[in-house]
Amino acid sequence: MQDKASLPYRRGVGIVLFDKAGRVFAARRLDTADAWQMPQGGIDAGETPRQAALRELEEEIGTAQAEFLAETEGWLTYDLPDDLVGKVWKGRYRGQTQKWFAFRFTGGDADIDINTAHPEFAEWRWVPFDRLVELIVPFKRELYRAVCSEFAALARKLAEP
């Protein structure tokens, strides 16, 4: 295996999708029993990060019915655990650097369909924003804390009656 430190980061996006009550979409991965996450993925050639975020919503949860609210000021990075470096993304990356976006879901729960052409999730639910980090796999928790910190004021506003 190549030295992890010499590998680049994969550029990607992540999406904090808020419902009308200010809760956040989270889904359990098909390939890892206790791994919950928000939609995320890579940026295709010629795409802006925001375009990639909407495409990822469509690909992962079957809908892009969402309105843009905010984006992180910068890019946030996480490293894969050593045992995953050679397995994920064909061993080409050490982790990801991501631009995160907050969107408000404009559809209804029936519009969400995780049984997509290439399913990634086994189940999904709306979770309180302040409970999100505890659901996430340990190696992504620092990144999720940073995302939650940047969107905390927005989350409080959205949760107001």
C-alpha atoms as a PDB file:
ATOM      1  CA  MET A   1       0.000   0.000   0.000  1.00  0.00           C
ATOM      2  CA  GLN A   2       1.136   3.518  -0.820  1.00  0.00           C
ATOM      3  CA  ASP A   3       2.090   5.762   2.083  1.00  0.00           C
ATOM      4  CA  LYS A   4      -1.128   7.468   3.247  1.00  0.00           C
ATOM      5  CA  ALA A   5       0.563  10.845   3.714  1.00  0.00           C
ATOM      6  CA  SER A   6       1.554  10.914   0.029  1.00  0.00           C
ATOM      7  CA  LEU A   7      -2.017  10.457  -1.206  1.00  0.00           C
ATOM      8  CA  PRO A   8      -4.207  13.426  -2.165  1.00  0.00           C
ATOM      9  CA  TYR A   9      -7.654  14.274  -0.788  1.00  0.00           C
ATOM     10  CA  ARG A  10     -10.703  13.633  -2.927  1.00  0.00           C
ATOM     11  CA  ARG A  11     -12.716  16.818  -3.553  1.00  0.00           C
ATOM     12  CA  GLY A  12     -16.362  16.454  -2.669  1.00  0.00           C
ATOM     13  CA  VAL A  13     -19.496  17.987  -1.246  1.00  0.00           C
ATOM     14  CA  GLY A  14     -21.769  17.297   1.685  1.00  0.00           C
ATOM     15  CA  ILE A  15     -25.374  18.287   2.238  1.00  0.00           C
ATOM     16  CA  VAL A  16     -27.188  19.259   5.424  1.00  0.00           C
ATOM     17  CA  LEU A  17     -30.816  18.855   4.361  1.00  0.00           C
ATOM     18  CA  PHE A  18     -33.249  20.483   6.793  1.00  0.00           C
ATOM     19  CA  ASP A  19     -36.938  19.613   6.897  1.00  0.00           C
ATOM     20  CA  LYS A  20     -39.696  22.119   7.708  1.00  0.00           C
ATOM     21  CA  ALA A  21     -39.244  21.440  11.454  1.00  0.00           C
ATOM     22  CA  GLY A  22     -35.502  22.122  11.392  1.00  0.00           C
ATOM     23  CA  ARG A  23     -34.499  18.469  11.646  1.00  0.00           C
ATOM     24  CA  VAL A  24     -31.760  17.024   9.430  1.00  0.00           C
ATOM     25  CA  PHE A  25     -31.801  14.113   6.988  1.00  0.00           C
ATOM     26  CA  ALA A  26     -29.492  11.249   8.016  1.00  0.00           C
ATOM     27  CA  ALA A  27     -29.214   7.802   6.477  1.00  0.00           C
ATOM     28  CA  ARG A  28     -27.578   4.498   7.429  1.00  0.00           C
ATOM     29  CA  ARG A  29     -25.131   3.170   4.862  1.00  0.00           C
ATOM     30  CA  LEU A  30     -25.784  -0.173   3.181  1.00  0.00           C
ATOM     31  CA  ASP A  31     -22.134  -1.247   3.409  1.00  0.00           C
ATOM     32  CA  THR A  32     -21.549  -0.481   7.113  1.00  0.00           C
ATOM     33  CA  ALA A  33     -24.164  -1.472   9.690  1.00  0.00           C
ATOM     34  CA  ASP A  34     -23.782   1.420  12.135  1.00  0.00           C
ATOM     35  CA  ALA A  35     -22.541   4.128   9.770  1.00  0.00           C
ATOM     36  CA  TRP A  36     -24.947   7.037   9.503  1.00  0.00           C
ATOM     37  CA  GLN A  37     -24.230  10.109   7.425  1.00  0.00           C
ATOM     38  CA  MET A  38     -25.726  12.953   5.468  1.00  0.00           C
ATOM     39  CA  PRO A  39     -25.688  12.858   1.655  1.00  0.00           C
ATOM     40  CA  GLN A  40     -22.253  13.504   0.211  1.00  0.00           C
ATOM     41  CA  GLY A  41     -20.133  12.671  -2.805  1.00  0.00           C
ATOM     42  CA  GLY A  42     -17.552  13.715  -5.340  1.00  0.00           C
ATOM     43  CA  ILE A  43     -17.514  16.630  -7.736  1.00  0.00           C
ATOM     44  CA  ASP A  44     -17.660  15.667 -11.411  1.00  0.00           C
ATOM     45  CA  ALA A  45     -15.565  17.406 -14.074  1.00  0.00           C
ATOM     46  CA  GLY A  46     -17.148  20.699 -15.104  1.00  0.00           C
ATOM     47  CA  GLU A  47     -19.446  20.867 -12.057  1.00  0.00           C
ATOM     48  CA  THR A  48     -19.539  23.589  -9.452  1.00  0.00           C
ATOM     49  CA  PRO A  49     -19.704  22.336  -5.871  1.00  0.00           C
ATOM     50  CA  ARG A  50     -23.338  23.502  -5.567  1.00  0.00           C
ATOM     51  CA  GLN A  51     -24.291  21.639  -8.758  1.00  0.00           C
ATOM     52  CA  ALA A  52     -22.575  18.546  -7.365  1.00  0.00           C
ATOM     53  CA  ALA A  53     -24.558  18.856  -4.124  1.00  0.00           C
ATOM     54  CA  LEU A  54     -27.889  18.890  -5.966  1.00  0.00           C
ATOM     55  CA  ARG A  55     -26.807  15.986  -8.181  1.00  0.00           C
ATOM     56  CA  GLU A  56     -25.764  13.987  -5.115  1.00  0.00           C
ATOM     57  CA  LEU A  57     -29.160  14.582  -3.500  1.00  0.00           C
ATOM     58  CA  GLU A  58     -30.862  13.208  -6.594  1.00  0.00           C
ATOM     59  CA  GLU A  59     -28.496  10.238  -6.863  1.00  0.00           C
ATOM     60  CA  GLU A  60     -28.570   9.294  -3.178  1.00  0.00           C
ATOM     61  CA  ILE A  61     -32.077  10.136  -1.998  1.00  0.00           C
ATOM     62  CA  GLY A  62     -34.013  10.278  -5.268  1.00  0.00           C
ATOM     63  CA  THR A  63     -34.888  13.973  -5.195  1.00  0.00           C
ATOM     64  CA  ALA A  64     -33.296  17.384  -5.468  1.00  0.00           C
ATOM     65  CA  GLN A  65     -36.345  19.244  -4.181  1.00  0.00           C
ATOM     66  CA  ALA A  66     -34.372  21.651  -2.064  1.00  0.00           C
ATOM     67  CA  GLU A  67     -33.653  25.339  -1.797  1.00  0.00           C
ATOM     68  CA  PHE A  68     -30.165  26.637  -1.096  1.00  0.00           C
ATOM     69  CA  LEU A  69     -29.656  28.228   2.327  1.00  0.00           C
ATOM     70  CA  ALA A  70     -25.911  28.478   2.995  1.00  0.00           C
ATOM     71  CA  GLU A  71     -22.476  26.957   2.418  1.00  0.00           C
ATOM     72  CA  THR A  72     -19.432  26.520   4.597  1.00  0.00           C
ATOM     73  CA  GLU A  73     -16.904  29.325   4.413  1.00  0.00           C
ATOM     74  CA  GLY A  74     -14.086  26.991   3.438  1.00  0.00           C
ATOM     75  CA  TRP A  75     -13.361  23.370   2.700  1.00  0.00           C
ATOM     76  CA  LEU A  76     -13.446  20.780   5.507  1.00  0.00           C
ATOM     77  CA  THR A  77     -11.234  17.693   5.501  1.00  0.00           C
ATOM     78  CA  TYR A  78     -11.234  14.232   7.022  1.00  0.00           C
ATOM     79  CA  ASP A  79      -8.786  11.328   6.807  1.00  0.00           C
ATOM     80  CA  LEU A  80      -9.853   7.744   6.321  1.00  0.00           C
ATOM     81  CA  PRO A  81      -8.789   5.269   8.989  1.00  0.00           C
ATOM     82  CA  ASP A  82      -5.665   3.342   7.905  1.00  0.00           C
ATOM     83  CA  ASP A  83      -7.641   0.111   7.346  1.00  0.00           C
ATOM     84  CA  LEU A  84      -9.889   1.840   4.764  1.00  0.00           C
ATOM     85  CA  VAL A  85      -7.254   3.749   2.772  1.00  0.00           C
ATOM     86  CA  GLY A  86      -6.531   0.894   0.357  1.00  0.00           C
ATOM     87  CA  LYS A  87     -10.198  -0.124   0.033  1.00  0.00           C
ATOM     88  CA  VAL A  88     -12.139   3.094  -0.550  1.00  0.00           C
ATOM     89  CA  TRP A  89     -11.902   4.958  -3.895  1.00  0.00           C
ATOM     90  CA  LYS A  90      -9.553   2.234  -5.201  1.00  0.00           C
ATOM     91  CA  GLY A  91      -6.835   3.402  -2.810  1.00  0.00           C
ATOM     92  CA  ARG A  92      -6.276   6.691  -4.645  1.00  0.00           C
ATOM     93  CA  TYR A  93      -7.141   9.061  -1.767  1.00  0.00           C
ATOM     94  CA  ARG A  94      -6.342   9.490   1.917  1.00  0.00           C
ATOM     95  CA  GLY A  95      -9.700  11.104   2.679  1.00  0.00           C
ATOM     96  CA  GLN A  96     -11.859  13.938   1.455  1.00  0.00           C
ATOM     97  CA  THR A  97     -11.871  17.702   1.423  1.00  0.00           C
ATOM     98  CA  GLN A  98     -15.456  18.869   1.166  1.00  0.00           C
ATOM     99  CA  LYS A  99     -17.557  21.975   0.682  1.00  0.00           C
ATOM    100  CA  TRP A 100     -20.755  21.628   2.715  1.00  0.00           C
ATOM    101  CA  PHE A 101     -24.138  23.089   1.832  1.00  0.00           C
ATOM    102  CA  ALA A 102     -27.308  23.668   3.818  1.00  0.00           C
ATOM    103  CA  PHE A 103     -30.569  23.209   1.938  1.00  0.00           C
ATOM    104  CA  ARG A 104     -34.203  23.284   3.006  1.00  0.00           C
ATOM    105  CA  PHE A 105     -36.170  20.273   1.739  1.00  0.00           C
ATOM    106  CA  THR A 106     -39.155  21.546  -0.262  1.00  0.00           C
ATOM    107  CA  GLY A 107     -40.798  18.199  -0.938  1.00  0.00           C
ATOM    108  CA  GLY A 108     -42.588  15.703   1.265  1.00  0.00           C
ATOM    109  CA  ASP A 109     -41.259  12.506   2.824  1.00  0.00           C
ATOM    110  CA  ALA A 110     -42.850  10.483   0.002  1.00  0.00           C
ATOM    111  CA  ASP A 111     -40.501  12.264  -2.443  1.00  0.00           C
ATOM    112  CA  ILE A 112     -37.469  10.673  -0.770  1.00  0.00           C
ATOM    113  CA  ASP A 113     -36.521   7.344  -2.311  1.00  0.00           C
ATOM    114  CA  ILE A 114     -33.245   5.760  -1.196  1.00  0.00           C
ATOM    115  CA  ASN A 115     -33.805   2.807  -3.578  1.00  0.00           C
ATOM    116  CA  THR A 116     -31.965   4.639  -6.343  1.00  0.00           C
ATOM    117  CA  ALA A 117     -30.094   3.248  -9.358  1.00  0.00           C
ATOM    118  CA  HIS A 118     -27.008   2.795  -7.161  1.00  0.00           C
ATOM    119  CA  PRO A 119     -28.336   2.644  -3.585  1.00  0.00           C
ATOM    120  CA  GLU A 120     -26.052   3.690  -0.758  1.00  0.00           C
ATOM    121  CA  PHE A 121     -28.471   3.698   2.162  1.00  0.00           C
ATOM    122  CA  ALA A 122     -30.479   1.039   4.020  1.00  0.00           C
ATOM    123  CA  GLU A 123     -32.727   3.443   5.934  1.00  0.00           C
ATOM    124  CA  TRP A 124     -33.162   7.133   6.651  1.00  0.00           C
ATOM    125  CA  ARG A 125     -34.760   9.464   9.181  1.00  0.00           C
ATOM    126  CA  TRP A 126     -35.035  13.095  10.244  1.00  0.00           C
ATOM    127  CA  VAL A 127     -32.887  13.753  13.316  1.00  0.00           C
ATOM    128  CA  PRO A 128     -32.544  16.756  15.598  1.00  0.00           C
ATOM    129  CA  PHE A 129     -29.592  18.867  14.483  1.00  0.00           C
ATOM    130  CA  ASP A 130     -27.953  18.654  17.909  1.00  0.00           C
ATOM    131  CA  ARG A 131     -28.020  14.820  17.837  1.00  0.00           C
ATOM    132  CA  LEU A 132     -26.364  14.454  14.452  1.00  0.00           C
ATOM    133  CA  VAL A 133     -22.722  14.106  15.483  1.00  0.00           C
ATOM    134  CA  GLU A 134     -23.383  11.171  17.833  1.00  0.00           C
ATOM    135  CA  LEU A 135     -24.782   9.102  14.925  1.00  0.00           C
ATOM    136  CA  ILE A 136     -21.739   9.537  12.696  1.00  0.00           C
ATOM    137  CA  VAL A 137     -18.850   7.101  12.349  1.00  0.00           C
ATOM    138  CA  PRO A 138     -15.995   8.177  14.648  1.00  0.00           C
ATOM    139  CA  PHE A 139     -13.527   9.124  11.903  1.00  0.00           C
ATOM    140  CA  LYS A 140     -15.945  11.741  10.485  1.00  0.00           C
ATOM    141  CA  ARG A 141     -17.099  13.261  13.795  1.00  0.00           C
ATOM    142  CA  GLU A 142     -14.634  16.158  13.834  1.00  0.00           C
ATOM    143  CA  LEU A 143     -15.709  17.153  10.332  1.00  0.00           C
ATOM    144  CA  TYR A 144     -19.372  16.901  11.341  1.00  0.00           C
ATOM    145  CA  ARG A 145     -18.704  19.015  14.448  1.00  0.00           C
ATOM    146  CA  ALA A 146     -17.200  21.684  12.188  1.00  0.00           C
ATOM    147  CA  VAL A 147     -20.191  21.528   9.815  1.00  0.00           C
ATOM    148  CA  CYS A 148     -22.615  21.760  12.739  1.00  0.00           C
ATOM    149  CA  SER A 149     -20.686  24.672  14.216  1.00  0.00           C
ATOM    150  CA  GLU A 150     -20.879  26.622  10.948  1.00  0.00           C
ATOM    151  CA  PHE A 151     -24.606  25.969  10.527  1.00  0.00           C
ATOM    152  CA  ALA A 152     -25.625  26.204  14.219  1.00  0.00           C
ATOM    153  CA  ALA A 153     -27.238  29.660  13.981  1.00  0.00           C
ATOM    154  CA  LEU A 154     -29.123  28.621  10.854  1.00  0.00           C
ATOM    155  CA  ALA A 155     -30.316  25.425  12.561  1.00  0.00           C
ATOM    156  CA  ARG A 156     -31.585  27.397  15.570  1.00  0.00           C
ATOM    157  CA  LYS A 157     -33.471  29.764  13.272  1.00  0.00           C
ATOM    158  CA  LEU A 158     -35.040  26.913  11.292  1.00  0.00           C
ATOM    159  CA  ALA A 159     -36.135  25.109  14.475  1.00  0.00           C
ATOM    160  CA  GLU A 160     -38.061  28.155  15.764  1.00  0.00           C
ATOM    161  CA  PRO A 161     -41.850  27.721  15.695  1.00  0.00           C
END
